[in-house]
Amino acid sequence: MANVIIIAKLLPVSPETDLNKIKSNAQTELEKEGAKNIAFEEKPVAFGLKALFVKFNFPEEKGTDVVESLLSKIKDVSSVSIEDYRRAFG
């Protein structure tokens, strides 16, 4: 089966939220579902709030619904959106 590269945007519930805990939980949950090469990037949004972007390689047959559902269940995550979805070659 093919793999895809997904970039998901996670918004925390407040600017005081510990993004390291979200990163740790996201990495653990994604790895359970078969994600590989997981990388994180923080970007400022507004008023001290930072969005967490998660980029990873994922089995195509599982789809984005699994990813959104999985990441939205993480404590202190208010919303999840898929920002980019591309088939990986090679």
PDB file of N, CA and C in Angstrom:
ATOM      1  N   MET A   1       0.829  -1.189   0.000  1.00  0.00           N
ATOM      2  CA  MET A   1       0.000   0.000   0.000  1.00  0.00           C
ATOM      3  C   MET A   1       0.878   1.259   0.000  1.00  0.00           C
ATOM      4  N   ALA A   2       0.313   2.325  -0.491  1.00  0.00           N
ATOM      5  CA  ALA A   2       1.034   3.595  -0.560  1.00  0.00           C
ATOM      6  C   ALA A   2       1.004   4.311   0.783  1.00  0.00           C
ATOM      7  N   ASN A   3       1.949   5.209   0.933  1.00  0.00           N
ATOM      8  CA  ASN A   3       1.988   6.073   2.111  1.00  0.00           C
ATOM      9  C   ASN A   3       1.696   7.502   1.694  1.00  0.00           C
ATOM     10  N   VAL A   4       1.219   8.284   2.626  1.00  0.00           N
ATOM     11  CA  VAL A   4       0.966   9.693   2.389  1.00  0.00           C
ATOM     12  C   VAL A   4       1.720  10.510   3.431  1.00  0.00           C
ATOM     13  N   ILE A   5       1.966  11.743   3.077  1.00  0.00           N
ATOM     14  CA  ILE A   5       2.540  12.687   4.036  1.00  0.00           C
ATOM     15  C   ILE A   5       1.426  13.640   4.423  1.00  0.00           C
ATOM     16  N   ILE A   6       1.200  13.735   5.712  1.00  0.00           N
ATOM     17  CA  ILE A   6       0.114  14.566   6.244  1.00  0.00           C
ATOM     18  C   ILE A   6       0.709  15.642   7.130  1.00  0.00           C
ATOM     19  N   ILE A   7       0.169  16.847   7.002  1.00  0.00           N
ATOM     20  CA  ILE A   7       0.475  17.921   7.947  1.00  0.00           C
ATOM     21  C   ILE A   7      -0.842  18.285   8.617  1.00  0.00           C
ATOM     22  N   ALA A   8      -0.885  18.116   9.934  1.00  0.00           N
ATOM     23  CA  ALA A   8      -2.083  18.428  10.709  1.00  0.00           C
ATOM     24  C   ALA A   8      -1.788  19.619  11.613  1.00  0.00           C
ATOM     25  N   LYS A   9      -2.782  20.488  11.755  1.00  0.00           N
ATOM     26  CA  LYS A   9      -2.654  21.669  12.613  1.00  0.00           C
ATOM     27  C   LYS A   9      -3.477  21.432  13.870  1.00  0.00           C
ATOM     28  N   LEU A  10      -2.832  21.524  15.027  1.00  0.00           N
ATOM     29  CA  LEU A  10      -3.498  21.361  16.307  1.00  0.00           C
ATOM     30  C   LEU A  10      -3.497  22.697  17.034  1.00  0.00           C
ATOM     31  N   LEU A  11      -4.661  23.108  17.502  1.00  0.00           N
ATOM     32  CA  LEU A  11      -4.750  24.322  18.306  1.00  0.00           C
ATOM     33  C   LEU A  11      -5.024  23.927  19.749  1.00  0.00           C
ATOM     34  N   PRO A  12      -4.215  24.439  20.680  1.00  0.00           N
ATOM     35  CA  PRO A  12      -4.443  24.139  22.089  1.00  0.00           C
ATOM     36  C   PRO A  12      -5.614  24.959  22.635  1.00  0.00           C
ATOM     37  N   VAL A  13      -6.106  24.578  23.812  1.00  0.00           N
ATOM     38  CA  VAL A  13      -7.251  25.274  24.401  1.00  0.00           C
ATOM     39  C   VAL A  13      -6.897  26.666  24.912  1.00  0.00           C
ATOM     40  N   SER A  14      -5.614  26.901  25.265  1.00  0.00           N
ATOM     41  CA  SER A  14      -5.222  28.224  25.745  1.00  0.00           C
ATOM     42  C   SER A  14      -3.728  28.453  25.507  1.00  0.00           C
ATOM     43  N   PRO A  15      -3.285  29.704  25.616  1.00  0.00           N
ATOM     44  CA  PRO A  15      -1.851  29.994  25.444  1.00  0.00           C
ATOM     45  C   PRO A  15      -0.983  29.355  26.536  1.00  0.00           C
ATOM     46  N   GLU A  16      -1.572  29.030  27.677  1.00  0.00           N
ATOM     47  CA  GLU A  16      -0.822  28.442  28.787  1.00  0.00           C
ATOM     48  C   GLU A  16      -0.663  26.927  28.668  1.00  0.00           C
ATOM     49  N   THR A  17      -1.287  26.325  27.681  1.00  0.00           N
ATOM     50  CA  THR A  17      -1.221  24.878  27.497  1.00  0.00           C
ATOM     51  C   THR A  17       0.215  24.435  27.218  1.00  0.00           C
ATOM     52  N   ASP A  18       0.619  23.345  27.858  1.00  0.00           N
ATOM     53  CA  ASP A  18       1.961  22.794  27.662  1.00  0.00           C
ATOM     54  C   ASP A  18       2.004  22.040  26.333  1.00  0.00           C
ATOM     55  N   LEU A  19       2.627  22.633  25.331  1.00  0.00           N
ATOM     56  CA  LEU A  19       2.700  22.015  24.004  1.00  0.00           C
ATOM     57  C   LEU A  19       3.570  20.761  23.994  1.00  0.00           C
ATOM     58  N   ASN A  20       4.502  20.663  24.933  1.00  0.00           N
ATOM     59  CA  ASN A  20       5.341  19.467  24.994  1.00  0.00           C
ATOM     60  C   ASN A  20       4.522  18.230  25.362  1.00  0.00           C
ATOM     61  N   LYS A  21       3.522  18.396  26.218  1.00  0.00           N
ATOM     62  CA  LYS A  21       2.641  17.274  26.570  1.00  0.00           C
ATOM     63  C   LYS A  21       1.806  16.860  25.359  1.00  0.00           C
ATOM     64  N   ILE A  22       1.325  17.847  24.618  1.00  0.00           N
ATOM     65  CA  ILE A  22       0.553  17.542  23.417  1.00  0.00           C
ATOM     66  C   ILE A  22       1.435  16.815  22.404  1.00  0.00           C
ATOM     67  N   LYS A  23       2.666  17.289  22.226  1.00  0.00           N
ATOM     68  CA  LYS A  23       3.599  16.630  21.303  1.00  0.00           C
ATOM     69  C   LYS A  23       3.825  15.175  21.697  1.00  0.00           C
ATOM     70  N   SER A  24       4.074  14.952  22.963  1.00  0.00           N
ATOM     71  CA  SER A  24       4.343  13.608  23.451  1.00  0.00           C
ATOM     72  C   SER A  24       3.148  12.684  23.227  1.00  0.00           C
ATOM     73  N   ASN A  25       1.949  13.170  23.576  1.00  0.00           N
ATOM     74  CA  ASN A  25       0.734  12.368  23.387  1.00  0.00           C
ATOM     75  C   ASN A  25       0.453  12.117  21.911  1.00  0.00           C
ATOM     76  N   ALA A  26       0.640  13.136  21.089  1.00  0.00           N
ATOM     77  CA  ALA A  26       0.397  12.993  19.656  1.00  0.00           C
ATOM     78  C   ALA A  26       1.357  11.970  19.054  1.00  0.00           C
ATOM     79  N   GLN A  27       2.617  12.044  19.427  1.00  0.00           N
ATOM     80  CA  GLN A  27       3.603  11.105  18.891  1.00  0.00           C
ATOM     81  C   GLN A  27       3.248   9.675  19.285  1.00  0.00           C
ATOM     82  N   THR A  28       2.891   9.464  20.538  1.00  0.00           N
ATOM     83  CA  THR A  28       2.535   8.130  21.017  1.00  0.00           C
ATOM     84  C   THR A  28       1.333   7.576  20.264  1.00  0.00           C
ATOM     85  N   GLU A  29       0.283   8.377  20.137  1.00  0.00           N
ATOM     86  CA  GLU A  29      -0.945   7.919  19.487  1.00  0.00           C
ATOM     87  C   GLU A  29      -0.742   7.679  17.990  1.00  0.00           C
ATOM     88  N   LEU A  30      -0.006   8.560  17.336  1.00  0.00           N
ATOM     89  CA  LEU A  30       0.233   8.388  15.905  1.00  0.00           C
ATOM     90  C   LEU A  30       1.082   7.149  15.613  1.00  0.00           C
ATOM     91  N   GLU A  31       2.084   6.917  16.445  1.00  0.00           N
ATOM     92  CA  GLU A  31       2.931   5.735  16.252  1.00  0.00           C
ATOM     93  C   GLU A  31       2.130   4.443  16.408  1.00  0.00           C
ATOM     94  N   LYS A  32       1.145   4.436  17.313  1.00  0.00           N
ATOM     95  CA  LYS A  32       0.276   3.266  17.491  1.00  0.00           C
ATOM     96  C   LYS A  32      -0.489   2.938  16.212  1.00  0.00           C
ATOM     97  N   GLU A  33      -0.792   3.962  15.419  1.00  0.00           N
ATOM     98  CA  GLU A  33      -1.547   3.786  14.178  1.00  0.00           C
ATOM     99  C   GLU A  33      -0.648   3.589  12.952  1.00  0.00           C
ATOM    100  N   GLY A  34       0.665   3.571  13.164  1.00  0.00           N
ATOM    101  CA  GLY A  34       1.570   3.295  12.059  1.00  0.00           C
ATOM    102  C   GLY A  34       2.259   4.509  11.458  1.00  0.00           C
ATOM    103  N   ALA A  35       2.147   5.664  12.090  1.00  0.00           N
ATOM    104  CA  ALA A  35       2.817   6.865  11.577  1.00  0.00           C
ATOM    105  C   ALA A  35       4.320   6.766  11.776  1.00  0.00           C
ATOM    106  N   LYS A  36       5.065   7.352  10.836  1.00  0.00           N
ATOM    107  CA  LYS A  36       6.524   7.363  10.913  1.00  0.00           C
ATOM    108  C   LYS A  36       7.031   8.757  10.589  1.00  0.00           C
ATOM    109  N   ASN A  37       8.291   8.997  10.925  1.00  0.00           N
ATOM    110  CA  ASN A  37       8.957  10.281  10.621  1.00  0.00           C
ATOM    111  C   ASN A  37       8.144  11.467  11.127  1.00  0.00           C
ATOM    112  N   ILE A  38       7.753  11.432  12.372  1.00  0.00           N
ATOM    113  CA  ILE A  38       6.909  12.475  12.959  1.00  0.00           C
ATOM    114  C   ILE A  38       7.769  13.678  13.332  1.00  0.00           C
ATOM    115  N   ALA A  39       7.346  14.870  12.878  1.00  0.00           N
ATOM    116  CA  ALA A  39       8.053  16.112  13.194  1.00  0.00           C
ATOM    117  C   ALA A  39       7.037  17.164  13.626  1.00  0.00           C
ATOM    118  N   PHE A  40       7.453  18.039  14.525  1.00  0.00           N
ATOM    119  CA  PHE A  40       6.577  19.080  15.060  1.00  0.00           C
ATOM    120  C   PHE A  40       7.152  20.462  14.779  1.00  0.00           C
ATOM    121  N   GLU A  41       6.251  21.411  14.594  1.00  0.00           N
ATOM    122  CA  GLU A  41       6.645  22.813  14.426  1.00  0.00           C
ATOM    123  C   GLU A  41       5.599  23.690  15.102  1.00  0.00           C
ATOM    124  N   GLU A  42       6.069  24.641  15.885  1.00  0.00           N
ATOM    125  CA  GLU A  42       5.173  25.592  16.544  1.00  0.00           C
ATOM    126  C   GLU A  42       5.153  26.892  15.757  1.00  0.00           C
ATOM    127  N   LYS A  43       3.945  27.441  15.557  1.00  0.00           N
ATOM    128  CA  LYS A  43       3.819  28.722  14.872  1.00  0.00           C
ATOM    129  C   LYS A  43       2.857  29.607  15.660  1.00  0.00           C
ATOM    130  N   PRO A  44       3.227  30.875  15.865  1.00  0.00           N
ATOM    131  CA  PRO A  44       2.340  31.784  16.592  1.00  0.00           C
ATOM    132  C   PRO A  44       1.055  32.059  15.806  1.00  0.00           C
ATOM    133  N   VAL A  45      -0.059  32.153  16.538  1.00  0.00           N
ATOM    134  CA  VAL A  45      -1.350  32.435  15.923  1.00  0.00           C
ATOM    135  C   VAL A  45      -1.767  33.855  16.280  1.00  0.00           C
ATOM    136  N   ALA A  46      -2.047  34.099  17.564  1.00  0.00           N
ATOM    137  CA  ALA A  46      -2.431  35.429  18.034  1.00  0.00           C
ATOM    138  C   ALA A  46      -2.507  35.433  19.551  1.00  0.00           C
ATOM    139  N   PHE A  47      -2.221  36.574  20.146  1.00  0.00           N
ATOM    140  CA  PHE A  47      -2.376  36.780  21.588  1.00  0.00           C
ATOM    141  C   PHE A  47      -1.665  35.720  22.419  1.00  0.00           C
ATOM    142  N   GLY A  48      -0.481  35.309  21.979  1.00  0.00           N
ATOM    143  CA  GLY A  48       0.308  34.332  22.711  1.00  0.00           C
ATOM    144  C   GLY A  48      -0.031  32.879  22.402  1.00  0.00           C
ATOM    145  N   LEU A  49      -1.082  32.642  21.638  1.00  0.00           N
ATOM    146  CA  LEU A  49      -1.474  31.276  21.281  1.00  0.00           C
ATOM    147  C   LEU A  49      -0.590  30.769  20.153  1.00  0.00           C
ATOM    148  N   LYS A  50      -0.118  29.539  20.281  1.00  0.00           N
ATOM    149  CA  LYS A  50       0.710  28.922  19.243  1.00  0.00           C
ATOM    150  C   LYS A  50       0.006  27.687  18.709  1.00  0.00           C
ATOM    151  N   ALA A  51       0.043  27.524  17.403  1.00  0.00           N
ATOM    152  CA  ALA A  51      -0.483  26.318  16.766  1.00  0.00           C
ATOM    153  C   ALA A  51       0.657  25.313  16.673  1.00  0.00           C
ATOM    154  N   LEU A  52       0.304  24.052  16.776  1.00  0.00           N
ATOM    155  CA  LEU A  52       1.280  22.982  16.657  1.00  0.00           C
ATOM    156  C   LEU A  52       1.016  22.245  15.349  1.00  0.00           C
ATOM    157  N   PHE A  53       1.997  22.250  14.456  1.00  0.00           N
ATOM    158  CA  PHE A  53       1.889  21.548  13.184  1.00  0.00           C
ATOM    159  C   PHE A  53       2.633  20.222  13.295  1.00  0.00           C
ATOM    160  N   VAL A  54       1.959  19.145  12.927  1.00  0.00           N
ATOM    161  CA  VAL A  54       2.529  17.807  13.005  1.00  0.00           C
ATOM    162  C   VAL A  54       2.638  17.265  11.585  1.00  0.00           C
ATOM    163  N   LYS A  55       3.853  16.914  11.179  1.00  0.00           N
ATOM    164  CA  LYS A  55       4.085  16.367   9.843  1.00  0.00           C
ATOM    165  C   LYS A  55       4.547  14.928  10.011  1.00  0.00           C
ATOM    166  N   PHE A  56       3.924  14.010   9.254  1.00  0.00           N
ATOM    167  CA  PHE A  56       4.268  12.601   9.409  1.00  0.00           C
ATOM    168  C   PHE A  56       3.889  11.796   8.178  1.00  0.00           C
ATOM    169  N   ASN A  57       4.485  10.619   8.087  1.00  0.00           N
ATOM    170  CA  ASN A  57       4.232   9.655   7.028  1.00  0.00           C
ATOM    171  C   ASN A  57       3.193   8.678   7.572  1.00  0.00           C
ATOM    172  N   PHE A  58       2.141   8.391   6.787  1.00  0.00           N
ATOM    173  CA  PHE A  58       1.014   7.606   7.294  1.00  0.00           C
ATOM    174  C   PHE A  58       0.497   6.663   6.209  1.00  0.00           C
ATOM    175  N   PRO A  59       0.039   5.465   6.583  1.00  0.00           N
ATOM    176  CA  PRO A  59      -0.529   4.546   5.593  1.00  0.00           C
ATOM    177  C   PRO A  59      -1.782   5.134   4.938  1.00  0.00           C
ATOM    178  N   GLU A  60      -1.792   5.172   3.609  1.00  0.00           N
ATOM    179  CA  GLU A  60      -2.891   5.818   2.878  1.00  0.00           C
ATOM    180  C   GLU A  60      -4.245   5.175   3.152  1.00  0.00           C
ATOM    181  N   GLU A  61      -4.281   3.868   3.306  1.00  0.00           N
ATOM    182  CA  GLU A  61      -5.563   3.180   3.465  1.00  0.00           C
ATOM    183  C   GLU A  61      -6.306   3.561   4.747  1.00  0.00           C
ATOM    184  N   LYS A  62      -5.613   4.126   5.722  1.00  0.00           N
ATOM    185  CA  LYS A  62      -6.279   4.506   6.981  1.00  0.00           C
ATOM    186  C   LYS A  62      -7.058   5.809   6.852  1.00  0.00           C
ATOM    187  N   GLY A  63      -6.656   6.698   5.984  1.00  0.00           N
ATOM    188  CA  GLY A  63      -7.391   7.937   5.734  1.00  0.00           C
ATOM    189  C   GLY A  63      -7.206   9.011   6.795  1.00  0.00           C
ATOM    190  N   THR A  64      -7.730  10.183   6.489  1.00  0.00           N
ATOM    191  CA  THR A  64      -7.569  11.334   7.382  1.00  0.00           C
ATOM    192  C   THR A  64      -8.546  11.324   8.550  1.00  0.00           C
ATOM    193  N   ASP A  65      -9.652  10.605   8.414  1.00  0.00           N
ATOM    194  CA  ASP A  65     -10.615  10.545   9.518  1.00  0.00           C
ATOM    195  C   ASP A  65      -9.980   9.954  10.771  1.00  0.00           C
ATOM    196  N   VAL A  66      -9.156   8.942  10.581  1.00  0.00           N
ATOM    197  CA  VAL A  66      -8.470   8.311  11.711  1.00  0.00           C
ATOM    198  C   VAL A  66      -7.555   9.326  12.396  1.00  0.00           C
ATOM    199  N   VAL A  67      -6.835  10.084  11.597  1.00  0.00           N
ATOM    200  CA  VAL A  67      -5.895  11.072  12.127  1.00  0.00           C
ATOM    201  C   VAL A  67      -6.641  12.150  12.908  1.00  0.00           C
ATOM    202  N   GLU A  68      -7.670  12.727  12.317  1.00  0.00           N
ATOM    203  CA  GLU A  68      -8.425  13.794  12.988  1.00  0.00           C
ATOM    204  C   GLU A  68      -9.054  13.302  14.284  1.00  0.00           C
ATOM    205  N   SER A  69      -9.645  12.131  14.249  1.00  0.00           N
ATOM    206  CA  SER A  69     -10.276  11.565  15.438  1.00  0.00           C
ATOM    207  C   SER A  69      -9.250  11.315  16.534  1.00  0.00           C
ATOM    208  N   LEU A  70      -8.138  10.739  16.159  1.00  0.00           N
ATOM    209  CA  LEU A  70      -7.075  10.403  17.092  1.00  0.00           C
ATOM    210  C   LEU A  70      -6.507  11.652  17.771  1.00  0.00           C
ATOM    211  N   LEU A  71      -6.179  12.657  16.973  1.00  0.00           N
ATOM    212  CA  LEU A  71      -5.557  13.864  17.516  1.00  0.00           C
ATOM    213  C   LEU A  71      -6.541  14.737  18.291  1.00  0.00           C
ATOM    214  N   SER A  72      -7.811  14.729  17.925  1.00  0.00           N
ATOM    215  CA  SER A  72      -8.788  15.555  18.633  1.00  0.00           C
ATOM    216  C   SER A  72      -9.104  15.024  20.025  1.00  0.00           C
ATOM    217  N   LYS A  73      -8.767  13.771  20.295  1.00  0.00           N
ATOM    218  CA  LYS A  73      -9.004  13.181  21.622  1.00  0.00           C
ATOM    219  C   LYS A  73      -7.909  13.515  22.626  1.00  0.00           C
ATOM    220  N   ILE A  74      -6.831  14.127  22.166  1.00  0.00           N
ATOM    221  CA  ILE A  74      -5.723  14.470  23.064  1.00  0.00           C
ATOM    222  C   ILE A  74      -6.156  15.599  23.989  1.00  0.00           C
ATOM    223  N   LYS A  75      -5.824  15.440  25.258  1.00  0.00           N
ATOM    224  CA  LYS A  75      -6.173  16.437  26.265  1.00  0.00           C
ATOM    225  C   LYS A  75      -5.574  17.800  25.897  1.00  0.00           C
ATOM    226  N   ASP A  76      -6.362  18.844  26.071  1.00  0.00           N
ATOM    227  CA  ASP A  76      -5.985  20.245  25.834  1.00  0.00           C
ATOM    228  C   ASP A  76      -5.867  20.632  24.364  1.00  0.00           C
ATOM    229  N   VAL A  77      -6.346  19.805  23.455  1.00  0.00           N
ATOM    230  CA  VAL A  77      -6.404  20.160  22.037  1.00  0.00           C
ATOM    231  C   VAL A  77      -7.829  20.617  21.732  1.00  0.00           C
ATOM    232  N   SER A  78      -7.981  21.856  21.250  1.00  0.00           N
ATOM    233  CA  SER A  78      -9.330  22.371  20.981  1.00  0.00           C
ATOM    234  C   SER A  78      -9.796  22.066  19.561  1.00  0.00           C
ATOM    235  N   SER A  79      -8.865  22.030  18.590  1.00  0.00           N
ATOM    236  CA  SER A  79      -9.272  21.706  17.222  1.00  0.00           C
ATOM    237  C   SER A  79      -8.111  21.099  16.440  1.00  0.00           C
ATOM    238  N   VAL A  80      -8.499  20.302  15.448  1.00  0.00           N
ATOM    239  CA  VAL A  80      -7.531  19.650  14.568  1.00  0.00           C
ATOM    240  C   VAL A  80      -7.990  19.854  13.132  1.00  0.00           C
ATOM    241  N   SER A  81      -7.062  20.223  12.256  1.00  0.00           N
ATOM    242  CA  SER A  81      -7.397  20.320  10.835  1.00  0.00           C
ATOM    243  C   SER A  81      -6.235  19.767  10.013  1.00  0.00           C
ATOM    244  N   ILE A  82      -6.588  19.146   8.904  1.00  0.00           N
ATOM    245  CA  ILE A  82      -5.572  18.629   7.995  1.00  0.00           C
ATOM    246  C   ILE A  82      -5.188  19.771   7.055  1.00  0.00           C
ATOM    247  N   GLU A  83      -3.929  20.176   7.106  1.00  0.00           N
ATOM    248  CA  GLU A  83      -3.448  21.299   6.305  1.00  0.00           C
ATOM    249  C   GLU A  83      -2.889  20.856   4.956  1.00  0.00           C
ATOM    250  N   ASP A  84      -2.337  19.643   4.899  1.00  0.00           N
ATOM    251  CA  ASP A  84      -1.750  19.151   3.657  1.00  0.00           C
ATOM    252  C   ASP A  84      -1.806  17.635   3.647  1.00  0.00           C
ATOM    253  N   TYR A  85      -2.035  17.075   2.448  1.00  0.00           N
ATOM    254  CA  TYR A  85      -2.150  15.624   2.276  1.00  0.00           C
ATOM    255  C   TYR A  85      -1.565  15.295   0.912  1.00  0.00           C
ATOM    256  N   ARG A  86      -0.467  14.534   0.878  1.00  0.00           N
ATOM    257  CA  ARG A  86       0.194  14.208  -0.400  1.00  0.00           C
ATOM    258  C   ARG A  86       0.651  12.767  -0.398  1.00  0.00           C
ATOM    259  N   ARG A  87       0.528  12.145  -1.547  1.00  0.00           N
ATOM    260  CA  ARG A  87       1.010  10.774  -1.695  1.00  0.00           C
ATOM    261  C   ARG A  87       2.532  10.815  -1.738  1.00  0.00           C
ATOM    262  N   ALA A  88       3.150   9.908  -0.979  1.00  0.00           N
ATOM    263  CA  ALA A  88       4.617   9.816  -0.920  1.00  0.00           C
ATOM    264  C   ALA A  88       5.091   8.785  -1.928  1.00  0.00           C
ATOM    265  N   PHE A  89       6.112   9.122  -2.666  1.00  0.00           N
ATOM    266  CA  PHE A  89       6.696   8.211  -3.648  1.00  0.00           C
ATOM    267  C   PHE A  89       8.086   7.803  -3.189  1.00  0.00           C
ATOM    268  N   GLY A  90       8.479   6.619  -3.610  1.00  0.00           N
ATOM    269  CA  GLY A  90       9.843   6.214  -3.345  1.00  0.00           C
ATOM    270  C   GLY A  90      10.022   5.121  -2.421  1.00  0.00           C
TER     271      GLY A  90
END
